[in-house]
PDB file of N, CA and C in Angstrom:
ATOM      1  N   UNK A   1      -6.450   4.690  22.482  1.00  0.00           N
ATOM      2  CA  UNK A   1      -5.005   4.042  22.715  1.00  0.00           C
ATOM      3  C   UNK A   1      -4.924   2.548  22.298  1.00  0.00           C
ATOM      4  N   UNK A   2      -6.104   1.777  22.603  1.00  0.00           N
ATOM      5  CA  UNK A   2      -6.218   0.364  22.030  1.00  0.00           C
ATOM      6  C   UNK A   2      -6.180   0.187  20.550  1.00  0.00           C
ATOM      7  N   UNK A   3      -6.880   1.326  19.859  1.00  0.00           N
ATOM      8  CA  UNK A   3      -7.032   1.248  18.430  1.00  0.00           C
ATOM      9  C   UNK A   3      -5.639   1.424  17.843  1.00  0.00           C
ATOM     10  N   UNK A   4      -4.827   2.151  18.274  1.00  0.00           N
ATOM     11  CA  UNK A   4      -3.590   2.381  17.840  1.00  0.00           C
ATOM     12  C   UNK A   4      -2.677   1.142  18.050  1.00  0.00           C
ATOM     13  N   UNK A   5      -2.830   0.547  19.093  1.00  0.00           N
ATOM     14  CA  UNK A   5      -2.111  -0.807  19.441  1.00  0.00           C
ATOM     15  C   UNK A   5      -2.702  -1.861  18.254  1.00  0.00           C
ATOM     16  N   UNK A   6      -3.890  -1.874  18.083  1.00  0.00           N
ATOM     17  CA  UNK A   6      -4.506  -2.857  17.048  1.00  0.00           C
ATOM     18  C   UNK A   6      -3.853  -2.428  15.769  1.00  0.00           C
ATOM     19  N   UNK A   7      -3.859  -1.334  15.274  1.00  0.00           N
ATOM     20  CA  UNK A   7      -3.312  -0.756  14.117  1.00  0.00           C
ATOM     21  C   UNK A   7      -1.932  -1.200  14.053  1.00  0.00           C
ATOM     22  N   UNK A   8      -0.970  -1.002  15.028  1.00  0.00           N
ATOM     23  CA  UNK A   8       0.318  -1.404  14.883  1.00  0.00           C
ATOM     24  C   UNK A   8       0.475  -2.848  14.583  1.00  0.00           C
ATOM     25  N   UNK A   9      -0.173  -3.543  15.322  1.00  0.00           N
ATOM     26  CA  UNK A   9      -0.140  -5.113  15.119  1.00  0.00           C
ATOM     27  C   UNK A   9      -0.494  -5.344  13.709  1.00  0.00           C
ATOM     28  N   UNK A  10      -1.609  -4.826  13.304  1.00  0.00           N
ATOM     29  CA  UNK A  10      -2.131  -5.100  11.987  1.00  0.00           C
ATOM     30  C   UNK A  10      -1.022  -4.688  10.933  1.00  0.00           C
ATOM     31  N   UNK A  11      -0.221  -3.577  11.064  1.00  0.00           N
ATOM     32  CA  UNK A  11       0.718  -3.240  10.121  1.00  0.00           C
ATOM     33  C   UNK A  11       1.872  -4.134  10.185  1.00  0.00           C
ATOM     34  N   UNK A  12       2.249  -4.628  11.592  1.00  0.00           N
ATOM     35  CA  UNK A  12       3.441  -5.653  11.445  1.00  0.00           C
ATOM     36  C   UNK A  12       2.900  -6.821  10.859  1.00  0.00           C
ATOM     37  N   UNK A  13       1.868  -7.261  10.950  1.00  0.00           N
ATOM     38  CA  UNK A  13       1.383  -8.689  10.342  1.00  0.00           C
ATOM     39  C   UNK A  13       1.486  -8.376   8.782  1.00  0.00           C
ATOM     40  N   UNK A  14       0.949  -7.073   8.325  1.00  0.00           N
ATOM     41  CA  UNK A  14       0.835  -6.997   6.799  1.00  0.00           C
ATOM     42  C   UNK A  14       2.426  -6.911   6.392  1.00  0.00           C
ATOM     43  N   UNK A  15       3.242  -6.164   7.036  1.00  0.00           N
ATOM     44  CA  UNK A  15       4.652  -6.139   6.623  1.00  0.00           C
ATOM     45  C   UNK A  15       5.400  -7.415   6.510  1.00  0.00           C
ATOM     46  N   UNK A  16       5.110  -8.340   7.579  1.00  0.00           N
ATOM     47  CA  UNK A  16       5.739  -9.733   7.501  1.00  0.00           C
ATOM     48  C   UNK A  16       5.100 -10.533   6.429  1.00  0.00           C
ATOM     49  N   UNK A  17       3.904 -10.330   6.049  1.00  0.00           N
ATOM     50  CA  UNK A  17       3.139 -11.189   5.038  1.00  0.00           C
ATOM     51  C   UNK A  17       3.919 -10.696   3.780  1.00  0.00           C
ATOM     52  N   UNK A  18       3.857  -9.372   3.620  1.00  0.00           N
ATOM     53  CA  UNK A  18       4.428  -8.919   2.248  1.00  0.00           C
ATOM     54  C   UNK A  18       5.833  -9.374   2.069  1.00  0.00           C
ATOM     55  N   UNK A  19       6.646  -9.292   3.012  1.00  0.00           N
ATOM     56  CA  UNK A  19       7.939  -9.778   2.943  1.00  0.00           C
ATOM     57  C   UNK A  19       8.197 -11.298   2.614  1.00  0.00           C
ATOM     58  N   UNK A  20       7.344 -12.002   3.290  1.00  0.00           N
ATOM     59  CA  UNK A  20       7.168 -13.485   3.059  1.00  0.00           C
ATOM     60  C   UNK A  20       6.760 -13.711   1.620  1.00  0.00           C
ATOM     61  N   UNK A  21       5.894 -13.028   1.096  1.00  0.00           N
ATOM     62  CA  UNK A  21       5.389 -13.356  -0.254  1.00  0.00           C
ATOM     63  C   UNK A  21       6.427 -12.896  -1.245  1.00  0.00           C
ATOM     64  N   UNK A  22       7.205 -11.754  -1.008  1.00  0.00           N
ATOM     65  CA  UNK A  22       8.128 -11.223  -1.867  1.00  0.00           C
ATOM     66  C   UNK A  22       9.283 -12.377  -1.961  1.00  0.00           C
ATOM     67  N   UNK A  23       9.807 -12.844  -0.742  1.00  0.00           N
ATOM     68  CA  UNK A  23      10.891 -13.728  -0.901  1.00  0.00           C
ATOM     69  C   UNK A  23      10.397 -15.005  -1.475  1.00  0.00           C
ATOM     70  N   UNK A  24       9.163 -15.498  -1.258  1.00  0.00           N
ATOM     71  CA  UNK A  24       8.634 -16.664  -1.912  1.00  0.00           C
ATOM     72  C   UNK A  24       8.796 -16.560  -3.466  1.00  0.00           C
ATOM     73  N   UNK A  25       8.154 -15.493  -3.927  1.00  0.00           N
ATOM     74  CA  UNK A  25       8.344 -15.359  -5.200  1.00  0.00           C
ATOM     75  C   UNK A  25       9.626 -15.216  -6.032  1.00  0.00           C
ATOM     76  N   UNK A  26      10.600 -14.486  -5.198  1.00  0.00           N
ATOM     77  CA  UNK A  26      11.942 -14.479  -5.605  1.00  0.00           C
ATOM     78  C   UNK A  26      12.588 -15.950  -5.586  1.00  0.00           C
ATOM     79  N   UNK A  27      12.272 -16.613  -4.758  1.00  0.00           N
ATOM     80  CA  UNK A  27      12.642 -17.960  -4.584  1.00  0.00           C
ATOM     81  C   UNK A  27      12.161 -18.883  -5.778  1.00  0.00           C
ATOM     82  N   UNK A  28      10.999 -18.627  -6.117  1.00  0.00           N
ATOM     83  CA  UNK A  28      10.541 -19.488  -7.146  1.00  0.00           C
ATOM     84  C   UNK A  28      11.095 -19.097  -8.480  1.00  0.00           C
ATOM     85  N   UNK A  29      11.616 -18.024  -8.563  1.00  0.00           N
ATOM     86  CA  UNK A  29      12.221 -17.623 -10.082  1.00  0.00           C
ATOM     87  C   UNK A  29      13.759 -18.135 -10.070  1.00  0.00           C
ATOM     88  N   UNK A  30      14.272 -18.653  -9.075  1.00  0.00           N
ATOM     89  CA  UNK A  30      15.658 -19.201  -9.094  1.00  0.00           C
ATOM     90  C   UNK A  30      15.784 -20.294  -9.723  1.00  0.00           C
ATOM     91  N   UNK A  31      17.109 -20.525 -10.370  1.00  0.00           N
ATOM     92  CA  UNK A  31      17.326 -21.833 -11.002  1.00  0.00           C
ATOM     93  C   UNK A  31      17.518 -22.850  -9.845  1.00  0.00           C
ATOM     94  N   UNK A  32      17.632 -24.179 -10.265  1.00  0.00           N
ATOM     95  CA  UNK A  32      17.725 -25.251  -9.280  1.00  0.00           C
ATOM     96  C   UNK A  32      19.060 -25.162  -8.313  1.00  0.00           C
ATOM     97  N   UNK A  33      20.081 -24.872  -9.103  1.00  0.00           N
ATOM     98  CA  UNK A  33      21.324 -24.711  -8.334  1.00  0.00           C
ATOM     99  C   UNK A  33      21.439 -23.526  -7.358  1.00  0.00           C
ATOM    100  N   UNK A  34      20.643 -22.314  -7.610  1.00  0.00           N
ATOM    101  CA  UNK A  34      20.553 -21.284  -6.944  1.00  0.00           C
ATOM    102  C   UNK A  34      19.783 -21.466  -5.667  1.00  0.00           C
ATOM    103  N   UNK A  35      18.808 -22.340  -5.810  1.00  0.00           N
ATOM    104  CA  UNK A  35      17.894 -22.706  -4.659  1.00  0.00           C
ATOM    105  C   UNK A  35      18.813 -23.486  -3.626  1.00  0.00           C
ATOM    106  N   UNK A  36      19.636 -24.533  -4.294  1.00  0.00           N
ATOM    107  CA  UNK A  36      20.555 -25.141  -3.252  1.00  0.00           C
ATOM    108  C   UNK A  36      21.418 -24.398  -2.812  1.00  0.00           C
ATOM    109  N   UNK A  37      22.092 -23.400  -3.327  1.00  0.00           N
ATOM    110  CA  UNK A  37      22.996 -22.461  -2.687  1.00  0.00           C
ATOM    111  C   UNK A  37      22.149 -21.632  -1.649  1.00  0.00           C
ATOM    112  N   UNK A  38      21.188 -20.982  -1.762  1.00  0.00           N
ATOM    113  CA  UNK A  38      20.271 -20.303  -1.023  1.00  0.00           C
ATOM    114  C   UNK A  38      19.921 -21.296   0.263  1.00  0.00           C
ATOM    115  N   UNK A  39      19.712 -22.345   0.091  1.00  0.00           N
ATOM    116  CA  UNK A  39      19.446 -23.291   1.307  1.00  0.00           C
ATOM    117  C   UNK A  39      20.778 -23.480   2.056  1.00  0.00           C
ATOM    118  N   UNK A  40      21.800 -23.687   1.403  1.00  0.00           N
ATOM    119  CA  UNK A  40      23.146 -23.839   2.156  1.00  0.00           C
ATOM    120  C   UNK A  40      23.494 -22.342   2.789  1.00  0.00           C
ATOM    121  N   UNK A  41      23.392 -21.292   2.228  1.00  0.00           N
ATOM    122  CA  UNK A  41      23.683 -20.093   2.891  1.00  0.00           C
ATOM    123  C   UNK A  41      22.688 -19.940   4.333  1.00  0.00           C
ATOM    124  N   UNK A  42      21.516 -20.350   4.010  1.00  0.00           N
ATOM    125  CA  UNK A  42      20.682 -20.163   5.292  1.00  0.00           C
ATOM    126  C   UNK A  42      20.838 -21.185   6.340  1.00  0.00           C
ATOM    127  N   UNK A  43      21.442 -22.340   5.875  1.00  0.00           N
ATOM    128  CA  UNK A  43      21.877 -23.316   7.113  1.00  0.00           C
ATOM    129  C   UNK A  43      23.029 -22.846   7.645  1.00  0.00           C
ATOM    130  N   UNK A  44      24.061 -22.288   6.776  1.00  0.00           N
ATOM    131  CA  UNK A  44      25.290 -21.712   7.466  1.00  0.00           C
ATOM    132  C   UNK A  44      25.171 -20.569   8.361  1.00  0.00           C
ATOM    133  N   UNK A  45      24.143 -19.657   8.066  1.00  0.00           N
ATOM    134  CA  UNK A  45      23.820 -18.625   8.851  1.00  0.00           C
ATOM    135  C   UNK A  45      22.954 -19.030  10.149  1.00  0.00           C
ATOM    136  N   UNK A  46      22.170 -20.151  10.123  1.00  0.00           N
ATOM    137  CA  UNK A  46      21.671 -20.672  11.230  1.00  0.00           C
ATOM    138  C   UNK A  46      22.672 -21.290  12.100  1.00  0.00           C
ATOM    139  N   UNK A  47      23.633 -22.047  11.580  1.00  0.00           N
ATOM    140  CA  UNK A  47      24.818 -22.560  12.314  1.00  0.00           C
ATOM    141  C   UNK A  47      25.663 -21.695  13.072  1.00  0.00           C
ATOM    142  N   UNK A  48      25.994 -20.572  12.312  1.00  0.00           N
ATOM    143  CA  UNK A  48      26.712 -19.507  12.949  1.00  0.00           C
ATOM    144  C   UNK A  48      25.886 -18.808  14.139  1.00  0.00           C
ATOM    145  N   UNK A  49      24.697 -18.548  13.901  1.00  0.00           N
ATOM    146  CA  UNK A  49      23.833 -17.990  15.061  1.00  0.00           C
ATOM    147  C   UNK A  49      23.682 -18.901  16.275  1.00  0.00           C
ATOM    148  N   UNK A  50      23.633 -20.139  15.929  1.00  0.00           N
ATOM    149  CA  UNK A  50      23.497 -21.231  17.028  1.00  0.00           C
ATOM    150  C   UNK A  50      24.688 -21.148  17.771  1.00  0.00           C
ATOM    151  N   UNK A  51      25.870 -21.102  17.099  1.00  0.00           N
ATOM    152  CA  UNK A  51      27.270 -21.145  17.868  1.00  0.00           C
ATOM    153  C   UNK A  51      27.199 -19.912  18.790  1.00  0.00           C
ATOM    154  N   UNK A  52      27.036 -18.730  18.168  1.00  0.00           N
ATOM    155  CA  UNK A  52      26.930 -17.361  18.906  1.00  0.00           C
ATOM    156  C   UNK A  52      26.151 -17.496  20.163  1.00  0.00           C
ATOM    157  N   UNK A  53      24.958 -18.089  19.970  1.00  0.00           N
ATOM    158  CA  UNK A  53      23.863 -18.170  21.046  1.00  0.00           C
ATOM    159  C   UNK A  53      24.448 -18.963  22.057  1.00  0.00           C
ATOM    160  N   UNK A  54      25.079 -20.003  21.765  1.00  0.00           N
ATOM    161  CA  UNK A  54      25.664 -21.031  22.963  1.00  0.00           C
ATOM    162  C   UNK A  54      26.798 -20.090  23.757  1.00  0.00           C
ATOM    163  N   UNK A  55      27.568 -19.418  23.057  1.00  0.00           N
ATOM    164  CA  UNK A  55      28.568 -18.606  23.760  1.00  0.00           C
ATOM    165  C   UNK A  55      27.985 -17.185  24.340  1.00  0.00           C
ATOM    166  N   UNK A  56      26.738 -16.892  24.011  1.00  0.00           N
ATOM    167  CA  UNK A  56      26.165 -15.769  24.642  1.00  0.00           C
ATOM    168  C   UNK A  56      26.435 -14.513  23.921  1.00  0.00           C
ATOM    169  N   UNK A  57      26.783 -14.786  22.611  1.00  0.00           N
ATOM    170  CA  UNK A  57      27.125 -13.520  21.732  1.00  0.00           C
ATOM    171  C   UNK A  57      26.111 -13.328  20.770  1.00  0.00           C
ATOM    172  N   UNK A  58      24.994 -13.778  21.051  1.00  0.00           N
ATOM    173  CA  UNK A  58      23.857 -13.518  19.914  1.00  0.00           C
ATOM    174  C   UNK A  58      23.538 -12.337  19.574  1.00  0.00           C
ATOM    175  N   UNK A  59      23.906 -11.370  20.602  1.00  0.00           N
ATOM    176  CA  UNK A  59      23.719  -9.897  20.174  1.00  0.00           C
ATOM    177  C   UNK A  59      24.817  -9.214  19.470  1.00  0.00           C
ATOM    178  N   UNK A  60      25.744 -10.121  19.173  1.00  0.00           N
ATOM    179  CA  UNK A  60      27.216  -9.618  18.657  1.00  0.00           C
ATOM    180  C   UNK A  60      26.851  -9.145  17.288  1.00  0.00           C
ATOM    181  N   UNK A  61      26.081 -10.001  16.337  1.00  0.00           N
ATOM    182  CA  UNK A  61      25.805  -9.500  14.937  1.00  0.00           C
ATOM    183  C   UNK A  61      24.627  -8.491  14.841  1.00  0.00           C
TER     184      UNK A  61
END
């Protein structure tokens, strides 16, 4: 049973690492203004999530 838990944790770490590397490589291929737009979208998403969290609607989206 402990071995299955260990394997699940390892799989989650592997999946998160793979996703991080893919996103990083995609980000590196973007042109300068596309990088700025990506950062703006990310900031806007964080802002909206923060507002929803304040009103207790963080599970809304």
